[in-house]
N, C-alpha and C. Protein backbone atom coordinates (compact mmCIF):
# COMPACT_ATOMS: atom_id res chain seq x y z
N MET A 1 3.99 -1.11 -35.19
CA MET A 1 4.05 -0.40 -33.83
C MET A 1 2.93 -0.68 -32.84
N GLY A 2 1.83 -1.44 -33.49
CA GLY A 2 0.79 -1.89 -32.80
C GLY A 2 0.89 -3.10 -31.76
N ALA A 3 1.78 -3.80 -32.19
CA ALA A 3 2.29 -4.89 -31.11
C ALA A 3 3.24 -4.55 -30.16
N ARG A 4 4.04 -3.38 -30.30
CA ARG A 4 4.92 -2.81 -29.42
C ARG A 4 3.71 -2.10 -28.35
N VAL A 5 2.98 -1.77 -28.56
CA VAL A 5 1.97 -0.82 -27.77
C VAL A 5 1.20 -1.95 -26.71
N LEU A 6 0.63 -3.03 -27.23
CA LEU A 6 0.13 -3.88 -26.81
C LEU A 6 1.12 -4.60 -26.02
N LEU A 7 2.24 -4.77 -26.20
CA LEU A 7 3.14 -5.54 -25.07
C LEU A 7 3.28 -4.68 -23.99
N LEU A 8 3.72 -3.28 -24.45
CA LEU A 8 3.85 -2.52 -23.48
C LEU A 8 2.87 -2.09 -22.29
N VAL A 9 1.68 -2.02 -23.06
CA VAL A 9 0.29 -1.91 -21.97
C VAL A 9 -0.03 -3.26 -21.37
N SER A 10 0.33 -4.25 -22.00
CA SER A 10 -0.14 -5.61 -21.01
C SER A 10 1.21 -5.94 -20.22
N THR A 11 2.06 -5.36 -20.09
CA THR A 11 3.28 -5.89 -19.46
C THR A 11 3.53 -4.96 -18.15
N THR A 12 3.27 -3.47 -18.54
CA THR A 12 3.71 -2.67 -17.67
C THR A 12 2.47 -1.66 -17.11
N ILE A 13 1.85 -1.41 -17.95
CA ILE A 13 0.91 -0.28 -17.33
C ILE A 13 -0.49 -0.90 -16.80
N ALA A 14 -1.12 -1.99 -17.48
CA ALA A 14 -2.14 -2.85 -16.89
C ALA A 14 -2.06 -3.52 -15.50
N PRO A 15 -0.99 -4.36 -15.55
CA PRO A 15 -0.78 -5.10 -14.57
C PRO A 15 -0.40 -4.23 -13.35
N ARG A 16 0.39 -3.08 -13.52
CA ARG A 16 0.68 -2.26 -12.55
C ARG A 16 -0.46 -1.39 -11.57
N MET A 17 -1.53 -0.95 -12.94
CA MET A 17 -2.81 -0.52 -12.36
C MET A 17 -3.48 -1.60 -11.53
N GLY A 18 -3.53 -2.74 -11.94
CA GLY A 18 -4.15 -3.82 -10.96
C GLY A 18 -3.77 -3.87 -9.77
N ALA A 19 -2.17 -3.88 -9.58
CA ALA A 19 -1.55 -3.70 -8.33
C ALA A 19 -2.01 -2.38 -7.37
N ILE A 20 -2.10 -1.39 -7.95
CA ILE A 20 -2.43 -0.28 -7.20
C ILE A 20 -3.68 -0.37 -6.87
N ALA A 21 -4.65 -1.26 -7.51
CA ALA A 21 -6.11 -1.22 -7.06
C ALA A 21 -5.91 -2.26 -6.04
N LEU A 22 -5.62 -3.32 -6.32
CA LEU A 22 -5.31 -4.12 -5.11
C LEU A 22 -4.94 -4.06 -3.67
N CYS A 23 -3.51 -3.19 -3.81
CA CYS A 23 -3.17 -2.75 -2.80
C CYS A 23 -3.83 -1.71 -1.81
N THR A 24 -4.35 -0.61 -2.75
CA THR A 24 -5.32 0.33 -2.30
C THR A 24 -6.56 -0.51 -1.19
N PHE A 25 -7.31 -1.59 -2.00
CA PHE A 25 -8.10 -2.14 -1.71
C PHE A 25 -7.78 -2.51 -0.20
N TYR A 26 -6.59 -3.15 0.15
CA TYR A 26 -5.99 -3.85 1.42
C TYR A 26 -5.86 -2.74 2.42
N LEU A 27 -5.31 -1.79 1.78
CA LEU A 27 -4.89 -0.24 2.51
C LEU A 27 -6.08 0.05 3.54
N PHE A 28 -7.30 0.40 3.15
CA PHE A 28 -8.29 0.82 3.67
C PHE A 28 -8.67 0.10 5.21
N PRO A 29 -9.06 -1.40 4.99
CA PRO A 29 -9.16 -2.20 6.15
C PRO A 29 -8.04 -2.07 7.25
N GLU A 30 -6.85 -2.09 6.55
CA GLU A 30 -5.69 -2.06 7.55
C GLU A 30 -5.47 -0.83 8.28
N TRP A 31 -5.94 0.39 7.43
CA TRP A 31 -5.72 1.45 8.40
C TRP A 31 -6.83 1.72 9.22
N ALA A 32 -8.26 1.13 8.91
CA ALA A 32 -9.03 1.16 10.24
C ALA A 32 -8.63 0.35 11.31
N ALA A 33 -8.28 -0.58 10.88
CA ALA A 33 -7.34 -1.86 12.12
C ALA A 33 -6.38 -0.80 12.88
N LEU A 34 -5.48 -0.24 12.07
CA LEU A 34 -4.64 0.60 12.86
C LEU A 34 -5.36 1.55 13.70
N ASP A 35 -6.44 2.28 13.47
CA ASP A 35 -6.87 3.26 14.15
C ASP A 35 -7.63 2.69 15.29
N ARG A 36 -8.20 1.52 15.12
CA ARG A 36 -8.77 0.79 16.36
C ARG A 36 -7.75 0.57 17.17
N SER A 37 -6.71 0.05 16.74
CA SER A 37 -5.52 -0.32 17.70
C SER A 37 -5.02 0.83 18.22
N TYR A 38 -4.77 1.78 17.73
CA TYR A 38 -4.24 2.83 18.14
C TYR A 38 -4.92 3.33 19.33
N HIS A 39 -6.55 3.43 19.08
CA HIS A 39 -7.29 3.76 20.35
C HIS A 39 -7.21 2.90 21.40
N ASN A 40 -7.15 1.70 21.17
CA ASN A 40 -7.16 0.48 22.27
C ASN A 40 -6.08 0.92 23.23
N TYR A 41 -5.04 1.13 22.46
CA TYR A 41 -3.17 1.45 23.12
C TYR A 41 -3.32 2.54 23.97
N GLN A 42 -4.23 3.78 23.39
CA GLN A 42 -4.23 4.90 24.28
C GLN A 42 -4.90 4.74 25.43
N MET A 43 -6.15 4.09 25.16
CA MET A 43 -7.00 3.52 26.33
C MET A 43 -6.29 3.04 27.54
N LEU A 44 -5.55 1.95 27.13
CA LEU A 44 -4.73 1.00 27.95
C LEU A 44 -3.49 1.64 28.66
N ALA A 45 -2.99 2.69 27.63
CA ALA A 45 -1.71 3.33 28.46
C ALA A 45 -2.30 4.27 29.74
N LYS A 46 -3.45 4.78 29.63
CA LYS A 46 -4.06 6.01 30.07
C LYS A 46 -4.69 5.28 31.42
N SER A 47 -5.03 3.91 31.42
CA SER A 47 -5.55 3.17 32.54
C SER A 47 -4.66 2.52 33.66
N GLU A 48 -5.06 1.91 34.29
CA GLU A 48 -4.08 1.27 35.13
C GLU A 48 -4.00 -0.43 34.97
N ALA A 49 -3.86 -0.56 33.62
CA ALA A 49 -3.64 -1.76 32.88
C ALA A 49 -2.54 -2.26 33.11
N PRO A 50 -2.06 -3.59 33.16
CA PRO A 50 -0.94 -4.34 33.42
C PRO A 50 0.35 -3.84 32.38
N VAL A 51 1.48 -4.26 32.84
CA VAL A 51 2.60 -3.75 31.77
C VAL A 51 2.42 -4.61 30.54
N ARG A 52 2.06 -5.92 30.62
CA ARG A 52 1.80 -6.87 29.74
C ARG A 52 0.89 -6.67 28.65
N GLU A 53 -0.34 -6.30 29.30
CA GLU A 53 -1.58 -5.65 28.25
C GLU A 53 -1.01 -4.48 27.62
N VAL A 54 -0.71 -3.77 28.03
CA VAL A 54 0.01 -2.46 27.07
C VAL A 54 1.13 -2.74 26.28
N SER A 55 1.91 -3.66 26.45
CA SER A 55 2.76 -4.14 25.84
C SER A 55 2.39 -4.69 24.41
N VAL A 56 1.26 -5.61 24.96
CA VAL A 56 0.71 -6.37 23.62
C VAL A 56 0.02 -5.33 22.96
N ALA A 57 -0.88 -4.53 23.31
CA ALA A 57 -1.45 -3.39 22.74
C ALA A 57 -0.54 -2.70 21.56
N GLN A 58 0.59 -2.25 22.21
CA GLN A 58 1.42 -1.62 21.33
C GLN A 58 2.11 -2.45 20.45
N ALA A 59 2.12 -3.70 20.74
CA ALA A 59 2.89 -4.58 19.61
C ALA A 59 1.92 -4.42 18.32
N ALA A 60 0.47 -4.78 18.52
CA ALA A 60 -0.32 -4.94 17.75
C ALA A 60 -0.65 -3.38 16.97
N GLU A 61 -0.48 -2.31 17.48
CA GLU A 61 -0.66 -1.14 16.99
C GLU A 61 0.78 -0.87 16.00
N ASN A 62 1.68 -1.05 16.41
CA ASN A 62 3.13 -1.44 15.35
C ASN A 62 2.89 -2.68 14.29
N ARG A 63 2.33 -3.40 14.38
CA ARG A 63 2.05 -4.49 13.53
C ARG A 63 1.36 -3.82 12.40
N HIS A 64 0.07 -3.24 12.91
CA HIS A 64 -0.76 -2.47 11.78
C HIS A 64 -0.02 -1.24 10.84
N ARG A 65 0.56 -0.53 12.13
CA ARG A 65 1.52 0.67 11.19
C ARG A 65 2.36 -0.06 10.14
N ILE A 66 3.09 -0.95 10.58
CA ILE A 66 3.94 -1.67 9.45
C ILE A 66 3.40 -1.80 8.47
N ASN A 67 2.29 -2.60 8.58
CA ASN A 67 1.47 -3.23 7.29
C ASN A 67 0.80 -1.98 6.46
N CYS A 68 0.39 -0.65 7.07
CA CYS A 68 0.02 0.37 6.06
C CYS A 68 1.39 0.76 5.49
N VAL A 69 2.21 0.97 6.13
CA VAL A 69 3.46 1.39 5.43
C VAL A 69 3.77 0.62 4.02
N ALA A 70 3.93 -0.67 4.38
CA ALA A 70 4.29 -1.50 3.28
C ALA A 70 3.04 -1.45 1.96
N GLU A 71 1.93 -1.22 2.43
CA GLU A 71 0.71 -1.19 1.46
C GLU A 71 0.98 -0.13 0.79
N GLY A 72 1.47 1.21 1.57
CA GLY A 72 1.66 2.34 0.75
C GLY A 72 2.97 2.30 -0.10
N ILE A 73 3.73 1.45 0.36
CA ILE A 73 4.80 1.79 -0.39
C ILE A 73 4.80 1.10 -1.86
N ARG A 74 3.95 0.00 -1.61
CA ARG A 74 3.53 -1.22 -2.85
C ARG A 74 2.58 -0.02 -3.73
N ILE A 75 1.73 0.89 -3.17
CA ILE A 75 0.98 1.68 -4.03
C ILE A 75 2.04 2.38 -4.88
N LEU A 76 2.88 3.16 -4.10
CA LEU A 76 3.93 4.06 -4.70
C LEU A 76 4.90 3.38 -6.03
N LEU A 77 5.34 2.26 -5.59
CA LEU A 77 6.00 1.34 -6.14
C LEU A 77 5.04 1.00 -7.57
N GLY A 78 3.84 0.64 -7.34
CA GLY A 78 2.92 0.74 -8.62
C GLY A 78 2.92 2.21 -9.64
N GLY A 79 2.76 3.00 -8.67
CA GLY A 79 2.84 4.28 -9.53
C GLY A 79 3.94 4.58 -10.55
N ILE A 80 5.15 4.23 -9.92
CA ILE A 80 6.23 4.20 -10.49
C ILE A 80 6.50 3.64 -11.76
N MET A 81 6.12 2.17 -11.51
CA MET A 81 6.31 1.56 -13.03
C MET A 81 5.15 1.77 -13.85
N VAL A 82 3.83 2.43 -13.50
CA VAL A 82 2.91 2.98 -14.50
C VAL A 82 3.55 4.03 -15.34
N SER A 83 4.40 4.73 -14.60
CA SER A 83 4.76 6.19 -14.91
C SER A 83 5.70 5.67 -16.05
N ILE A 84 6.85 4.65 -15.60
CA ILE A 84 7.60 4.07 -16.91
C ILE A 84 6.71 3.54 -18.04
N GLY A 85 5.82 2.88 -17.69
CA GLY A 85 5.12 2.30 -18.96
C GLY A 85 4.54 3.51 -19.87
N VAL A 86 3.98 4.55 -18.70
CA VAL A 86 3.61 5.68 -19.82
C VAL A 86 4.58 6.43 -20.64
N HIS A 87 5.93 6.68 -20.22
CA HIS A 87 6.72 7.02 -20.55
C HIS A 87 7.44 6.35 -21.79
N GLY A 88 7.35 4.81 -21.79
CA GLY A 88 7.75 4.40 -22.86
C GLY A 88 6.87 4.31 -24.11
N PHE A 89 5.57 4.73 -23.48
CA PHE A 89 4.42 4.84 -24.36
C PHE A 89 4.36 6.06 -25.13
N CYS A 90 5.04 7.03 -24.40
CA CYS A 90 5.01 8.31 -25.02
C CYS A 90 6.18 8.16 -26.16
N LEU A 91 7.34 7.48 -25.81
CA LEU A 91 8.94 7.50 -26.69
C LEU A 91 8.12 6.39 -28.12
N LEU A 92 7.21 5.45 -27.88
CA LEU A 92 6.87 4.78 -28.89
C LEU A 92 6.15 5.78 -29.94
N ALA A 93 5.46 6.54 -29.44
CA ALA A 93 4.56 7.36 -30.26
C ALA A 93 5.38 8.30 -31.29
N ARG A 94 6.77 8.73 -30.64
CA ARG A 94 7.19 9.71 -31.60
C ARG A 94 8.00 8.77 -32.70
N ARG A 95 8.16 7.66 -32.75
CA ARG A 95 9.07 6.91 -33.68
C ARG A 95 8.19 6.86 -34.82
């Protein structure tokens, strides 16, 4: 049973916890960049800026928004994989 637990923890739980930590690490700077980009876009939209500058600012905001969504989904998928590993760990304990 010890080998099974070690295999389960080393292939499912530990790597996914690392992935969650890594994705969270990259999410916070991206979120800050999204906030800056959003305020820049709002400032340009309210001013008399040319359409080209507003379009570039909007594209930058959308790029950061998509990156934040992708990092959030990776965190959620890592959590799902950890819960599958914990479920397998609980099933091993019954045997």
